Amino acid sequence: RIVSWGSLQLTFGDVSKVLQGRRHFFSFTYGQYSYD
């Protein structure tokens, strides 16, 4: 699941390098850019 507030995006899942087996917050990105 990805939930965002503008360009702040939080990623939730049931498997990540920090935890496995239950839904949890494991990553964020802040800022959106264009690149040519």
PDB file of all heavy atoms in Angstrom:
ATOM      1  N   ARG A   1       0.863  -1.188   0.000  1.00  0.00           N
ATOM      2  CA  ARG A   1       0.000   0.000   0.000  1.00  0.00           C
ATOM      3  C   ARG A   1       0.894   1.230   0.000  1.00  0.00           C
ATOM      4  O   ARG A   1       1.854   1.309   0.778  1.00  0.00           O
ATOM      5  CB  ARG A   1      -0.879  -0.007   1.244  1.00  0.00           C
ATOM      6  CG  ARG A   1      -1.837   1.152   1.365  1.00  0.00           C
ATOM      7  CD  ARG A   1      -2.672   0.999   2.619  1.00  0.00           C
ATOM      8  NE  ARG A   1      -3.625   2.083   2.770  1.00  0.00           N
ATOM      9  CZ  ARG A   1      -4.353   2.269   3.858  1.00  0.00           C
ATOM     10  NH1 ARG A   1      -4.252   1.428   4.890  1.00  0.00           N
ATOM     11  NH2 ARG A   1      -5.183   3.286   3.933  1.00  0.00           N
ATOM     12  N   ILE A   2       0.573   2.202  -0.870  1.00  0.00           N
ATOM     13  CA  ILE A   2       1.289   3.469  -0.892  1.00  0.00           C
ATOM     14  C   ILE A   2       0.286   4.573  -0.574  1.00  0.00           C
ATOM     15  O   ILE A   2      -0.744   4.694  -1.249  1.00  0.00           O
ATOM     16  CB  ILE A   2       1.961   3.716  -2.257  1.00  0.00           C
ATOM     17  CG1 ILE A   2       2.989   2.623  -2.535  1.00  0.00           C
ATOM     18  CG2 ILE A   2       2.627   5.096  -2.275  1.00  0.00           C
ATOM     19  CD1 ILE A   2       3.588   2.656  -3.924  1.00  0.00           C
ATOM     20  N   VAL A   3       0.593   5.336   0.470  1.00  0.00           N
ATOM     21  CA  VAL A   3      -0.263   6.442   0.897  1.00  0.00           C
ATOM     22  C   VAL A   3       0.553   7.716   0.753  1.00  0.00           C
ATOM     23  O   VAL A   3       1.719   7.762   1.151  1.00  0.00           O
ATOM     24  CB  VAL A   3      -0.729   6.248   2.358  1.00  0.00           C
ATOM     25  CG1 VAL A   3      -1.602   7.418   2.807  1.00  0.00           C
ATOM     26  CG2 VAL A   3      -1.486   4.925   2.505  1.00  0.00           C
ATOM     27  N   SER A   4      -0.058   8.746   0.153  1.00  0.00           N
ATOM     28  CA  SER A   4       0.695   9.978  -0.093  1.00  0.00           C
ATOM     29  C   SER A   4      -0.024  11.205   0.430  1.00  0.00           C
ATOM     30  O   SER A   4      -1.246  11.253   0.534  1.00  0.00           O
ATOM     31  CB  SER A   4       0.989  10.128  -1.586  1.00  0.00           C
ATOM     32  OG  SER A   4      -0.201  10.129  -2.329  1.00  0.00           O
ATOM     33  N   TRP A   5       0.794  12.191   0.752  1.00  0.00           N
ATOM     34  CA  TRP A   5       0.385  13.536   1.112  1.00  0.00           C
ATOM     35  C   TRP A   5       1.201  14.431   0.188  1.00  0.00           C
ATOM     36  O   TRP A   5       2.344  14.761   0.502  1.00  0.00           O
ATOM     37  CB  TRP A   5       0.719  13.854   2.564  1.00  0.00           C
ATOM     38  CG  TRP A   5      -0.077  13.087   3.562  1.00  0.00           C
ATOM     39  CD1 TRP A   5      -1.182  13.532   4.219  1.00  0.00           C
ATOM     40  CD2 TRP A   5       0.170  11.761   4.063  1.00  0.00           C
ATOM     41  NE1 TRP A   5      -1.651  12.556   5.078  1.00  0.00           N
ATOM     42  CE2 TRP A   5      -0.837  11.469   5.001  1.00  0.00           C
ATOM     43  CE3 TRP A   5       1.134  10.793   3.781  1.00  0.00           C
ATOM     44  CZ2 TRP A   5      -0.899  10.254   5.672  1.00  0.00           C
ATOM     45  CZ3 TRP A   5       1.071   9.587   4.442  1.00  0.00           C
ATOM     46  CH2 TRP A   5       0.074   9.328   5.381  1.00  0.00           C
ATOM     47  N   GLY A   6       0.678  14.773  -0.970  1.00  0.00           N
ATOM     48  CA  GLY A   6       1.466  15.511  -1.952  1.00  0.00           C
ATOM     49  C   GLY A   6       2.632  14.650  -2.403  1.00  0.00           C
ATOM     50  O   GLY A   6       2.451  13.507  -2.828  1.00  0.00           O
ATOM     51  N   SER A   7       3.845  15.174  -2.270  1.00  0.00           N
ATOM     52  CA  SER A   7       5.025  14.422  -2.716  1.00  0.00           C
ATOM     53  C   SER A   7       5.634  13.538  -1.624  1.00  0.00           C
ATOM     54  O   SER A   7       6.641  12.889  -1.846  1.00  0.00           O
ATOM     55  CB  SER A   7       6.094  15.378  -3.245  1.00  0.00           C
ATOM     56  OG  SER A   7       6.731  16.056  -2.182  1.00  0.00           O
ATOM     57  N   LEU A   8       5.021  13.509  -0.447  1.00  0.00           N
ATOM     58  CA  LEU A   8       5.470  12.621   0.625  1.00  0.00           C
ATOM     59  C   LEU A   8       4.694  11.323   0.501  1.00  0.00           C
ATOM     60  O   LEU A   8       3.476  11.299   0.654  1.00  0.00           O
ATOM     61  CB  LEU A   8       5.232  13.256   1.991  1.00  0.00           C
ATOM     62  CG  LEU A   8       5.584  12.396   3.204  1.00  0.00           C
ATOM     63  CD1 LEU A   8       7.081  12.086   3.235  1.00  0.00           C
ATOM     64  CD2 LEU A   8       5.148  13.088   4.486  1.00  0.00           C
ATOM     65  N   GLN A   9       5.409  10.237   0.161  1.00  0.00           N
ATOM     66  CA  GLN A   9       4.760   8.949  -0.054  1.00  0.00           C
ATOM     67  C   GLN A   9       5.321   7.913   0.906  1.00  0.00           C
ATOM     68  O   GLN A   9       6.539   7.736   0.989  1.00  0.00           O
ATOM     69  CB  GLN A   9       4.963   8.488  -1.496  1.00  0.00           C
ATOM     70  CG  GLN A   9       4.356   9.453  -2.487  1.00  0.00           C
ATOM     71  CD  GLN A   9       4.532   9.018  -3.922  1.00  0.00           C
ATOM     72  OE1 GLN A   9       5.411   8.234  -4.250  1.00  0.00           O
ATOM     73  NE2 GLN A   9       3.674   9.523  -4.781  1.00  0.00           N
ATOM     74  N   LEU A  10       4.426   7.241   1.623  1.00  0.00           N
ATOM     75  CA  LEU A  10       4.818   6.195   2.555  1.00  0.00           C
ATOM     76  C   LEU A  10       4.423   4.852   1.964  1.00  0.00           C
ATOM     77  O   LEU A  10       3.337   4.713   1.400  1.00  0.00           O
ATOM     78  CB  LEU A  10       4.134   6.385   3.899  1.00  0.00           C
ATOM     79  CG  LEU A  10       4.789   7.377   4.857  1.00  0.00           C
ATOM     80  CD1 LEU A  10       4.841   8.772   4.288  1.00  0.00           C
ATOM     81  CD2 LEU A  10       4.082   7.375   6.190  1.00  0.00           C
ATOM     82  N   THR A  11       5.314   3.876   2.100  1.00  0.00           N
ATOM     83  CA  THR A  11       5.068   2.534   1.577  1.00  0.00           C
ATOM     84  C   THR A  11       4.906   1.571   2.745  1.00  0.00           C
ATOM     85  O   THR A  11       5.714   1.566   3.682  1.00  0.00           O
ATOM     86  CB  THR A  11       6.220   2.084   0.667  1.00  0.00           C
ATOM     87  OG1 THR A  11       6.404   3.061  -0.359  1.00  0.00           O
ATOM     88  CG2 THR A  11       5.916   0.743   0.028  1.00  0.00           C
ATOM     89  N   PHE A  12       3.865   0.763   2.656  1.00  0.00           N
ATOM     90  CA  PHE A  12       3.531  -0.242   3.668  1.00  0.00           C
ATOM     91  C   PHE A  12       3.455  -1.598   2.972  1.00  0.00           C
ATOM     92  O   PHE A  12       3.040  -1.685   1.821  1.00  0.00           O
ATOM     93  CB  PHE A  12       2.164   0.057   4.294  1.00  0.00           C
ATOM     94  CG  PHE A  12       2.052   1.426   4.896  1.00  0.00           C
ATOM     95  CD1 PHE A  12       1.600   2.495   4.133  1.00  0.00           C
ATOM     96  CD2 PHE A  12       2.382   1.646   6.214  1.00  0.00           C
ATOM     97  CE1 PHE A  12       1.482   3.768   4.679  1.00  0.00           C
ATOM     98  CE2 PHE A  12       2.276   2.914   6.772  1.00  0.00           C
ATOM     99  CZ  PHE A  12       1.822   3.978   6.005  1.00  0.00           C
ATOM    100  N   GLY A  13       3.838  -2.643   3.672  1.00  0.00           N
ATOM    101  CA  GLY A  13       3.743  -3.978   3.103  1.00  0.00           C
ATOM    102  C   GLY A  13       3.824  -5.024   4.189  1.00  0.00           C
ATOM    103  O   GLY A  13       3.955  -4.694   5.375  1.00  0.00           O
ATOM    104  N   ASP A  14       3.797  -6.280   3.782  1.00  0.00           N
ATOM    105  CA  ASP A  14       3.895  -7.366   4.754  1.00  0.00           C
ATOM    106  C   ASP A  14       5.272  -8.023   4.754  1.00  0.00           C
ATOM    107  O   ASP A  14       5.554  -8.878   5.594  1.00  0.00           O
ATOM    108  CB  ASP A  14       2.798  -8.405   4.535  1.00  0.00           C
ATOM    109  CG  ASP A  14       2.860  -9.078   3.178  1.00  0.00           C
ATOM    110  OD1 ASP A  14       3.583  -8.587   2.280  1.00  0.00           O
ATOM    111  OD2 ASP A  14       2.170 -10.103   2.999  1.00  0.00           O
ATOM    112  N   VAL A  15       6.157  -7.609   3.838  1.00  0.00           N
ATOM    113  CA  VAL A  15       7.525  -8.121   3.794  1.00  0.00           C
ATOM    114  C   VAL A  15       8.455  -6.968   3.433  1.00  0.00           C
ATOM    115  O   VAL A  15       8.220  -6.248   2.468  1.00  0.00           O
ATOM    116  CB  VAL A  15       7.680  -9.245   2.741  1.00  0.00           C
ATOM    117  CG1 VAL A  15       9.139  -9.651   2.595  1.00  0.00           C
ATOM    118  CG2 VAL A  15       6.829 -10.454   3.108  1.00  0.00           C
ATOM    119  N   SER A  16       9.502  -6.789   4.224  1.00  0.00           N
ATOM    120  CA  SER A  16      10.552  -5.813   3.909  1.00  0.00           C
ATOM    121  C   SER A  16      11.809  -6.241   4.632  1.00  0.00           C
ATOM    122  O   SER A  16      11.801  -7.212   5.383  1.00  0.00           O
ATOM    123  CB  SER A  16      10.153  -4.399   4.351  1.00  0.00           C
ATOM    124  OG  SER A  16      10.254  -4.271   5.758  1.00  0.00           O
ATOM    125  N   LYS A  17      12.885  -5.487   4.436  1.00  0.00           N
ATOM    126  CA  LYS A  17      14.125  -5.845   5.126  1.00  0.00           C
ATOM    127  C   LYS A  17      14.052  -5.537   6.619  1.00  0.00           C
ATOM    128  O   LYS A  17      14.883  -5.996   7.375  1.00  0.00           O
ATOM    129  CB  LYS A  17      15.319  -5.161   4.480  1.00  0.00           C
ATOM    130  CG  LYS A  17      15.418  -3.679   4.697  1.00  0.00           C
ATOM    131  CD  LYS A  17      16.671  -3.134   4.049  1.00  0.00           C
ATOM    132  CE  LYS A  17      16.877  -1.683   4.444  1.00  0.00           C
ATOM    133  NZ  LYS A  17      18.127  -1.170   3.953  1.00  0.00           N
ATOM    134  N   VAL A  18      13.025  -4.781   7.060  1.00  0.00           N
ATOM    135  CA  VAL A  18      12.916  -4.467   8.489  1.00  0.00           C
ATOM    136  C   VAL A  18      11.972  -5.389   9.242  1.00  0.00           C
ATOM    137  O   VAL A  18      12.055  -5.495  10.459  1.00  0.00           O
ATOM    138  CB  VAL A  18      12.515  -2.984   8.727  1.00  0.00           C
ATOM    139  CG1 VAL A  18      13.587  -2.049   8.219  1.00  0.00           C
ATOM    140  CG2 VAL A  18      11.174  -2.645   8.129  1.00  0.00           C
ATOM    141  N   LEU A  19      11.042  -6.045   8.536  1.00  0.00           N
ATOM    142  CA  LEU A  19      10.067  -6.905   9.213  1.00  0.00           C
ATOM    143  C   LEU A  19       9.364  -7.784   8.183  1.00  0.00           C
ATOM    144  O   LEU A  19       9.201  -7.384   7.030  1.00  0.00           O
ATOM    145  CB  LEU A  19       9.028  -6.035   9.936  1.00  0.00           C
ATOM    146  CG  LEU A  19       7.980  -6.735  10.783  1.00  0.00           C
ATOM    147  CD1 LEU A  19       8.613  -7.400  12.007  1.00  0.00           C
ATOM    148  CD2 LEU A  19       6.930  -5.723  11.244  1.00  0.00           C
ATOM    149  N   GLN A  20       8.941  -8.964   8.615  1.00  0.00           N
ATOM    150  CA  GLN A  20       8.161  -9.855   7.756  1.00  0.00           C
ATOM    151  C   GLN A  20       7.010 -10.414   8.553  1.00  0.00           C
ATOM    152  O   GLN A  20       7.097 -10.566   9.766  1.00  0.00           O
ATOM    153  CB  GLN A  20       9.021 -11.005   7.231  1.00  0.00           C
ATOM    154  CG  GLN A  20      10.113 -10.541   6.311  1.00  0.00           C
ATOM    155  CD  GLN A  20      10.883 -11.697   5.691  1.00  0.00           C
ATOM    156  OE1 GLN A  20      10.446 -12.837   5.691  1.00  0.00           O
ATOM    157  NE2 GLN A  20      12.034 -11.385   5.138  1.00  0.00           N
ATOM    158  N   GLY A  21       5.907 -10.720   7.852  1.00  0.00           N
ATOM    159  CA  GLY A  21       4.808 -11.430   8.488  1.00  0.00           C
ATOM    160  C   GLY A  21       3.641 -10.582   8.939  1.00  0.00           C
ATOM    161  O   GLY A  21       2.604 -11.134   9.313  1.00  0.00           O
ATOM    162  N   ARG A  22       3.763  -9.250   8.940  1.00  0.00           N
ATOM    163  CA  ARG A  22       2.617  -8.404   9.249  1.00  0.00           C
ATOM    164  C   ARG A  22       2.750  -7.080   8.499  1.00  0.00           C
ATOM    165  O   ARG A  22       3.844  -6.674   8.128  1.00  0.00           O
ATOM    166  CB  ARG A  22       2.453  -8.169  10.742  1.00  0.00           C
ATOM    167  CG  ARG A  22       3.454  -7.225  11.364  1.00  0.00           C
ATOM    168  CD  ARG A  22       2.998  -6.773  12.767  1.00  0.00           C
ATOM    169  NE  ARG A  22       4.026  -6.029  13.460  1.00  0.00           N
ATOM    170  CZ  ARG A  22       4.276  -4.730  13.283  1.00  0.00           C
ATOM    171  NH1 ARG A  22       3.576  -4.022  12.427  1.00  0.00           N
ATOM    172  NH2 ARG A  22       5.228  -4.131  13.975  1.00  0.00           N
ATOM    173  N   ARG A  23       1.632  -6.437   8.282  1.00  0.00           N
ATOM    174  CA  ARG A  23       1.634  -5.140   7.612  1.00  0.00           C
ATOM    175  C   ARG A  23       2.404  -4.113   8.446  1.00  0.00           C
ATOM    176  O   ARG A  23       2.191  -4.026   9.665  1.00  0.00           O
ATOM    177  CB  ARG A  23       0.203  -4.657   7.405  1.00  0.00           C
ATOM    178  CG  ARG A  23      -0.591  -5.498   6.441  1.00  0.00           C
ATOM    179  CD  ARG A  23      -2.041  -5.043   6.410  1.00  0.00           C
ATOM    180  NE  ARG A  23      -2.776  -5.691   5.327  1.00  0.00           N
ATOM    181  CZ  ARG A  23      -4.062  -5.503   5.105  1.00  0.00           C
ATOM    182  NH1 ARG A  23      -4.770  -4.693   5.874  1.00  0.00           N
ATOM    183  NH2 ARG A  23      -4.653  -6.120   4.106  1.00  0.00           N
ATOM    184  N   HIS A  24       3.253  -3.340   7.757  1.00  0.00           N
ATOM    185  CA  HIS A  24       4.058  -2.347   8.468  1.00  0.00           C
ATOM    186  C   HIS A  24       4.560  -1.260   7.523  1.00  0.00           C
ATOM    187  O   HIS A  24       4.584  -1.442   6.307  1.00  0.00           O
ATOM    188  CB  HIS A  24       5.249  -3.022   9.169  1.00  0.00           C
ATOM    189  CG  HIS A  24       6.185  -3.708   8.214  1.00  0.00           C
ATOM    190  ND1 HIS A  24       5.911  -4.941   7.658  1.00  0.00           N
ATOM    191  CD2 HIS A  24       7.381  -3.320   7.695  1.00  0.00           C
ATOM    192  CE1 HIS A  24       6.899  -5.293   6.855  1.00  0.00           C
ATOM    193  NE2 HIS A  24       7.807  -4.321   6.842  1.00  0.00           N
ATOM    194  N   PHE A  25       4.953  -0.139   8.100  1.00  0.00           N
ATOM    195  CA  PHE A  25       5.576   0.983   7.391  1.00  0.00           C
ATOM    196  C   PHE A  25       7.041   0.643   7.196  1.00  0.00           C
ATOM    197  O   PHE A  25       7.722   0.254   8.138  1.00  0.00           O
ATOM    198  CB  PHE A  25       5.410   2.238   8.250  1.00  0.00           C
ATOM    199  CG  PHE A  25       6.221   3.443   7.848  1.00  0.00           C
ATOM    200  CD1 PHE A  25       6.321   3.856   6.529  1.00  0.00           C
ATOM    201  CD2 PHE A  25       6.853   4.201   8.821  1.00  0.00           C
ATOM    202  CE1 PHE A  25       7.047   4.998   6.183  1.00  0.00           C
ATOM    203  CE2 PHE A  25       7.569   5.343   8.497  1.00  0.00           C
ATOM    204  CZ  PHE A  25       7.673   5.735   7.179  1.00  0.00           C
ATOM    205  N   PHE A  26       7.544   0.769   5.937  1.00  0.00           N
ATOM    206  CA  PHE A  26       8.960   0.456   5.756  1.00  0.00           C
ATOM    207  C   PHE A  26       9.726   1.405   4.847  1.00  0.00           C
ATOM    208  O   PHE A  26      10.940   1.267   4.699  1.00  0.00           O
ATOM    209  CB  PHE A  26       9.160  -0.993   5.278  1.00  0.00           C
ATOM    210  CG  PHE A  26       8.682  -1.292   3.885  1.00  0.00           C
ATOM    211  CD1 PHE A  26       9.489  -1.049   2.774  1.00  0.00           C
ATOM    212  CD2 PHE A  26       7.430  -1.834   3.681  1.00  0.00           C
ATOM    213  CE1 PHE A  26       9.058  -1.349   1.498  1.00  0.00           C
ATOM    214  CE2 PHE A  26       6.983  -2.135   2.401  1.00  0.00           C
ATOM    215  CZ  PHE A  26       7.801  -1.893   1.308  1.00  0.00           C
ATOM    216  N   SER A  27       9.062   2.399   4.241  1.00  0.00           N
ATOM    217  CA  SER A  27       9.802   3.269   3.335  1.00  0.00           C
ATOM    218  C   SER A  27       9.043   4.573   3.108  1.00  0.00           C
ATOM    219  O   SER A  27       7.815   4.602   3.194  1.00  0.00           O
ATOM    220  CB  SER A  27      10.000   2.547   1.999  1.00  0.00           C
ATOM    221  OG  SER A  27      10.685   3.356   1.063  1.00  0.00           O
ATOM    222  N   PHE A  28       9.795   5.645   2.803  1.00  0.00           N
ATOM    223  CA  PHE A  28       9.169   6.890   2.378  1.00  0.00           C
ATOM    224  C   PHE A  28       9.994   7.523   1.267  1.00  0.00           C
ATOM    225  O   PHE A  28      11.188   7.293   1.148  1.00  0.00           O
ATOM    226  CB  PHE A  28       9.007   7.885   3.540  1.00  0.00           C
ATOM    227  CG  PHE A  28      10.301   8.457   4.063  1.00  0.00           C
ATOM    228  CD1 PHE A  28      10.932   9.528   3.428  1.00  0.00           C
ATOM    229  CD2 PHE A  28      10.892   7.928   5.201  1.00  0.00           C
ATOM    230  CE1 PHE A  28      12.126  10.048   3.905  1.00  0.00           C
ATOM    231  CE2 PHE A  28      12.078   8.449   5.684  1.00  0.00           C
ATOM    232  CZ  PHE A  28      12.704   9.506   5.032  1.00  0.00           C
ATOM    233  N   THR A  29       9.329   8.302   0.434  1.00  0.00           N
ATOM    234  CA  THR A  29       9.995   9.199  -0.502  1.00  0.00           C
ATOM    235  C   THR A  29       9.382  10.573  -0.278  1.00  0.00           C
ATOM    236  O   THR A  29       8.182  10.694   0.017  1.00  0.00           O
ATOM    237  CB  THR A  29       9.814   8.798  -1.985  1.00  0.00           C
ATOM    238  OG1 THR A  29       8.433   8.795  -2.312  1.00  0.00           O
ATOM    239  CG2 THR A  29      10.427   7.451  -2.272  1.00  0.00           C
ATOM    240  N   TYR A  30      10.210  11.600  -0.394  1.00  0.00           N
ATOM    241  CA  TYR A  30       9.735  12.972  -0.231  1.00  0.00           C
ATOM    242  C   TYR A  30      10.313  13.799  -1.366  1.00  0.00           C
ATOM    243  O   TYR A  30      11.521  13.893  -1.520  1.00  0.00           O
ATOM    244  CB  TYR A  30      10.181  13.522   1.126  1.00  0.00           C
ATOM    245  CG  TYR A  30       9.852  14.975   1.354  1.00  0.00           C
ATOM    246  CD1 TYR A  30       8.573  15.481   1.111  1.00  0.00           C
ATOM    247  CD2 TYR A  30      10.811  15.846   1.832  1.00  0.00           C
ATOM    248  CE1 TYR A  30       8.270  16.814   1.339  1.00  0.00           C
ATOM    249  CE2 TYR A  30      10.518  17.184   2.066  1.00  0.00           C
ATOM    250  CZ  TYR A  30       9.246  17.659   1.816  1.00  0.00           C
ATOM    251  OH  TYR A  30       8.954  18.984   2.036  1.00  0.00           O
ATOM    252  N   GLY A  31       9.412  14.355  -2.175  1.00  0.00           N
ATOM    253  CA  GLY A  31       9.806  15.169  -3.315  1.00  0.00           C
ATOM    254  C   GLY A  31       9.598  14.412  -4.615  1.00  0.00           C
ATOM    255  O   GLY A  31       9.878  13.218  -4.700  1.00  0.00           O
ATOM    256  N   GLN A  32       9.066  15.114  -5.608  1.00  0.00           N
ATOM    257  CA  GLN A  32       8.930  14.539  -6.943  1.00  0.00           C
ATOM    258  C   GLN A  32       9.687  15.441  -7.906  1.00  0.00           C
ATOM    259  O   GLN A  32       9.661  16.659  -7.777  1.00  0.00           O
ATOM    260  CB  GLN A  32       7.466  14.444  -7.350  1.00  0.00           C
ATOM    261  CG  GLN A  32       6.704  13.423  -6.535  1.00  0.00           C
ATOM    262  CD  GLN A  32       5.234  13.374  -6.933  1.00  0.00           C
ATOM    263  OE1 GLN A  32       4.737  14.177  -7.700  1.00  0.00           O
ATOM    264  NE2 GLN A  32       4.531  12.396  -6.381  1.00  0.00           N
ATOM    265  N   TYR A  33      10.343  14.814  -8.870  1.00  0.00           N
ATOM    266  CA  TYR A  33      11.143  15.565  -9.828  1.00  0.00           C
ATOM    267  C   TYR A  33      10.910  15.020 -11.231  1.00  0.00           C
ATOM    268  O   TYR A  33      10.408  13.910 -11.401  1.00  0.00           O
ATOM    269  CB  TYR A  33      12.634  15.490  -9.470  1.00  0.00           C
ATOM    270  CG  TYR A  33      13.197  14.088  -9.505  1.00  0.00           C
ATOM    271  CD1 TYR A  33      13.672  13.530 -10.688  1.00  0.00           C
ATOM    272  CD2 TYR A  33      13.235  13.300  -8.350  1.00  0.00           C
ATOM    273  CE1 TYR A  33      14.174  12.243 -10.730  1.00  0.00           C
ATOM    274  CE2 TYR A  33      13.731  12.010  -8.385  1.00  0.00           C
ATOM    275  CZ  TYR A  33      14.197  11.491  -9.575  1.00  0.00           C
ATOM    276  OH  TYR A  33      14.679  10.204  -9.616  1.00  0.00           O
ATOM    277  N   SER A  34      11.280  15.826 -12.203  1.00  0.00           N
ATOM    278  CA  SER A  34      11.298  15.351 -13.582  1.00  0.00           C
ATOM    279  C   SER A  34      12.764  15.246 -13.994  1.00  0.00           C
ATOM    280  O   SER A  34      13.607  15.992 -13.504  1.00  0.00           O
ATOM    281  CB  SER A  34      10.547  16.310 -14.508  1.00  0.00           C
ATOM    282  OG  SER A  34      11.186  17.565 -14.545  1.00  0.00           O
ATOM    283  N   TYR A  35      13.052  14.315 -14.881  1.00  0.00           N
ATOM    284  CA  TYR A  35      14.428  14.113 -15.341  1.00  0.00           C
ATOM    285  C   TYR A  35      14.391  13.761 -16.815  1.00  0.00           C
ATOM    286  O   TYR A  35      13.706  12.823 -17.219  1.00  0.00           O
ATOM    287  CB  TYR A  35      15.106  12.998 -14.531  1.00  0.00           C
ATOM    288  CG  TYR A  35      16.535  12.746 -14.926  1.00  0.00           C
ATOM    289  CD1 TYR A  35      17.503  13.729 -14.759  1.00  0.00           C
ATOM    290  CD2 TYR A  35      16.910  11.529 -15.467  1.00  0.00           C
ATOM    291  CE1 TYR A  35      18.820  13.498 -15.133  1.00  0.00           C
ATOM    292  CE2 TYR A  35      18.235  11.290 -15.820  1.00  0.00           C
ATOM    293  CZ  TYR A  35      19.180  12.282 -15.656  1.00  0.00           C
ATOM    294  OH  TYR A  35      20.488  12.054 -16.015  1.00  0.00           O
ATOM    295  N   ASP A  36      15.117  14.525 -17.618  1.00  0.00           N
ATOM    296  CA  ASP A  36      15.107  14.323 -19.066  1.00  0.00           C
ATOM    297  C   ASP A  36      16.385  13.667 -19.587  1.00  0.00           C
ATOM    298  O   ASP A  36      16.656  13.684 -20.776  1.00  0.00           O
ATOM    299  CB  ASP A  36      14.863  15.650 -19.785  1.00  0.00           C
ATOM    300  CG  ASP A  36      15.975  16.665 -19.543  1.00  0.00           C
ATOM    301  OD1 ASP A  36      17.011  16.324 -18.925  1.00  0.00           O
ATOM    302  OD2 ASP A  36      15.804  17.817 -19.991  1.00  0.00           O
TER     303      ASP A  36
END
